[in-house]
Amino acid sequence: MADSVTSIFNIADDIGAVIVGNMNDGRYLVSWMRHQAAQFKYKFAYEMPVHVLAQYLSNHLQWSSQRSYVRTMCVIVTLVGCDLEKGPMVYKIDPSG
């Protein structure tokens, strides 16, 4: 059923992601972002801000685009989150980081 297919994912309590492109790469990045958010919460004892996750993700995608032995991720990720200090935020990250 076409209306049951979605590309909207929950990353953390305050962060969501919309992924466009290759869904195999997208599912990998969703699990990677969830892992990064969980590590951040474990290390610092508070939820990861969306701007920090956007920076981590863009660094990860930039690293993979500069290596000849790593295939570039074929997705565009839009991160949406709400921060207590900065309010609602939206970030768009393309494959080049």
C-alpha atoms as a PDB file:
ATOM      1  CA  MET A   1       0.000   0.000   0.000  1.00  0.00           C
ATOM      2  CA  ALA A   2       1.572   3.277  -1.122  1.00  0.00           C
ATOM      3  CA  ASP A   3       0.294   5.413   1.752  1.00  0.00           C
ATOM      4  CA  SER A   4       2.040   3.196   4.328  1.00  0.00           C
ATOM      5  CA  VAL A   5       5.509   3.919   2.929  1.00  0.00           C
ATOM      6  CA  THR A   6       7.155   6.838   4.684  1.00  0.00           C
ATOM      7  CA  SER A   7      10.513   8.497   4.808  1.00  0.00           C
ATOM      8  CA  ILE A   8       9.924  10.286   8.126  1.00  0.00           C
ATOM      9  CA  PHE A   9      11.917   8.909  11.053  1.00  0.00           C
ATOM     10  CA  ASN A  10      12.149   9.617  14.770  1.00  0.00           C
ATOM     11  CA  ILE A  11      15.792  10.017  15.808  1.00  0.00           C
ATOM     12  CA  ALA A  12      15.459  11.156  19.433  1.00  0.00           C
ATOM     13  CA  ASP A  13      12.721  12.605  21.631  1.00  0.00           C
ATOM     14  CA  ASP A  14      13.118  16.088  20.128  1.00  0.00           C
ATOM     15  CA  ILE A  15      14.606  15.267  16.707  1.00  0.00           C
ATOM     16  CA  GLY A  16      12.992  13.952  13.543  1.00  0.00           C
ATOM     17  CA  ALA A  17      14.401  13.304  10.089  1.00  0.00           C
ATOM     18  CA  VAL A  18      12.963  13.327   6.580  1.00  0.00           C
ATOM     19  CA  ILE A  19      15.070  11.393   4.090  1.00  0.00           C
ATOM     20  CA  VAL A  20      14.917  11.647   0.304  1.00  0.00           C
ATOM     21  CA  GLY A  21      16.967   9.406  -1.959  1.00  0.00           C
ATOM     22  CA  ASN A  22      18.325   5.884  -1.679  1.00  0.00           C
ATOM     23  CA  MET A  23      16.447   4.331   1.240  1.00  0.00           C
ATOM     24  CA  ASN A  24      19.174   1.762   1.909  1.00  0.00           C
ATOM     25  CA  ASP A  25      21.557   4.619   2.644  1.00  0.00           C
ATOM     26  CA  GLY A  26      18.762   6.387   4.507  1.00  0.00           C
ATOM     27  CA  ARG A  27      18.118   3.479   6.861  1.00  0.00           C
ATOM     28  CA  TYR A  28      21.836   3.235   7.570  1.00  0.00           C
ATOM     29  CA  LEU A  29      21.987   6.955   8.388  1.00  0.00           C
ATOM     30  CA  VAL A  30      18.896   6.721  10.607  1.00  0.00           C
ATOM     31  CA  SER A  31      20.510   3.985  12.692  1.00  0.00           C
ATOM     32  CA  TRP A  32      23.805   5.936  12.724  1.00  0.00           C
ATOM     33  CA  MET A  33      22.059   9.128  13.900  1.00  0.00           C
ATOM     34  CA  ARG A  34      20.124   7.227  16.578  1.00  0.00           C
ATOM     35  CA  HIS A  35      23.380   5.733  17.798  1.00  0.00           C
ATOM     36  CA  GLN A  36      25.067   9.149  17.898  1.00  0.00           C
ATOM     37  CA  ALA A  37      22.125  10.651  19.816  1.00  0.00           C
ATOM     38  CA  ALA A  38      22.161   7.781  22.329  1.00  0.00           C
ATOM     39  CA  GLN A  39      25.928   8.094  22.831  1.00  0.00           C
ATOM     40  CA  PHE A  40      25.586  11.848  23.368  1.00  0.00           C
ATOM     41  CA  LYS A  41      22.819  11.370  25.937  1.00  0.00           C
ATOM     42  CA  TYR A  42      24.821   8.701  27.755  1.00  0.00           C
ATOM     43  CA  LYS A  43      27.966  10.836  27.824  1.00  0.00           C
ATOM     44  CA  PHE A  44      26.470  14.234  28.698  1.00  0.00           C
ATOM     45  CA  ALA A  45      23.196  13.201  30.450  1.00  0.00           C
ATOM     46  CA  TYR A  46      20.925  15.386  28.298  1.00  0.00           C
ATOM     47  CA  GLU A  47      19.350  15.102  24.865  1.00  0.00           C
ATOM     48  CA  MET A  48      21.486  15.919  21.851  1.00  0.00           C
ATOM     49  CA  PRO A  49      20.615  19.333  20.346  1.00  0.00           C
ATOM     50  CA  VAL A  50      19.552  19.165  16.718  1.00  0.00           C
ATOM     51  CA  HIS A  51      22.309  21.553  15.588  1.00  0.00           C
ATOM     52  CA  VAL A  52      24.951  19.230  17.073  1.00  0.00           C
ATOM     53  CA  LEU A  53      23.465  16.211  15.275  1.00  0.00           C
ATOM     54  CA  ALA A  54      23.378  18.224  12.033  1.00  0.00           C
ATOM     55  CA  GLN A  55      27.077  19.025  12.472  1.00  0.00           C
ATOM     56  CA  TYR A  56      27.954  15.372  13.208  1.00  0.00           C
ATOM     57  CA  LEU A  57      25.975  14.194  10.181  1.00  0.00           C
ATOM     58  CA  SER A  58      27.456  16.766   7.817  1.00  0.00           C
ATOM     59  CA  ASN A  59      30.969  15.847   8.991  1.00  0.00           C
ATOM     60  CA  HIS A  60      30.201  12.153   8.428  1.00  0.00           C
ATOM     61  CA  LEU A  61      28.840  12.767   4.924  1.00  0.00           C
ATOM     62  CA  GLN A  62      31.695  15.137   4.047  1.00  0.00           C
ATOM     63  CA  TRP A  63      34.246  12.544   5.167  1.00  0.00           C
ATOM     64  CA  SER A  64      32.683   9.879   2.950  1.00  0.00           C
ATOM     65  CA  SER A  65      32.565  12.211  -0.065  1.00  0.00           C
ATOM     66  CA  GLN A  66      36.308  12.941   0.195  1.00  0.00           C
ATOM     67  CA  ARG A  67      37.478   9.320   0.292  1.00  0.00           C
ATOM     68  CA  SER A  68      37.896   7.440  -2.959  1.00  0.00           C
ATOM     69  CA  TYR A  69      37.395   4.065  -1.286  1.00  0.00           C
ATOM     70  CA  VAL A  70      34.030   4.977   0.315  1.00  0.00           C
ATOM     71  CA  ARG A  71      30.826   5.305  -1.680  1.00  0.00           C
ATOM     72  CA  THR A  72      29.047   8.623  -1.213  1.00  0.00           C
ATOM     73  CA  MET A  73      25.650   8.443   0.492  1.00  0.00           C
ATOM     74  CA  CYS A  74      22.880   9.148  -2.013  1.00  0.00           C
ATOM     75  CA  VAL A  75      20.439  10.902   0.311  1.00  0.00           C
ATOM     76  CA  ILE A  76      19.336  14.338   1.380  1.00  0.00           C
ATOM     77  CA  VAL A  77      18.455  14.551   5.069  1.00  0.00           C
ATOM     78  CA  THR A  78      16.249  17.225   6.602  1.00  0.00           C
ATOM     79  CA  LEU A  79      16.560  17.345  10.381  1.00  0.00           C
ATOM     80  CA  VAL A  80      13.788  18.977  12.383  1.00  0.00           C
ATOM     81  CA  GLY A  81      14.000  19.580  16.107  1.00  0.00           C
ATOM     82  CA  CYS A  82      13.026  21.790  18.965  1.00  0.00           C
ATOM     83  CA  ASP A  83      15.643  23.082  21.379  1.00  0.00           C
ATOM     84  CA  LEU A  84      14.773  24.658  24.723  1.00  0.00           C
ATOM     85  CA  GLU A  85      17.315  27.461  24.240  1.00  0.00           C
ATOM     86  CA  LYS A  86      17.039  28.153  20.502  1.00  0.00           C
ATOM     87  CA  GLY A  87      13.478  27.024  19.706  1.00  0.00           C
ATOM     88  CA  PRO A  88      12.433  25.109  16.579  1.00  0.00           C
ATOM     89  CA  MET A  89      15.166  24.441  14.011  1.00  0.00           C
ATOM     90  CA  VAL A  90      15.375  22.888  10.531  1.00  0.00           C
ATOM     91  CA  TYR A  91      18.597  21.707   8.861  1.00  0.00           C
ATOM     92  CA  LYS A  92      19.057  20.299   5.360  1.00  0.00           C
ATOM     93  CA  ILE A  93      22.166  18.200   4.739  1.00  0.00           C
ATOM     94  CA  ASP A  94      23.084  16.966   1.250  1.00  0.00           C
ATOM     95  CA  PRO A  95      25.491  14.203   0.275  1.00  0.00           C
ATOM     96  CA  SER A  96      28.464  16.573   0.131  1.00  0.00           C
ATOM     97  CA  GLY A  97      27.986  17.497   3.796  1.00  0.00           C
END
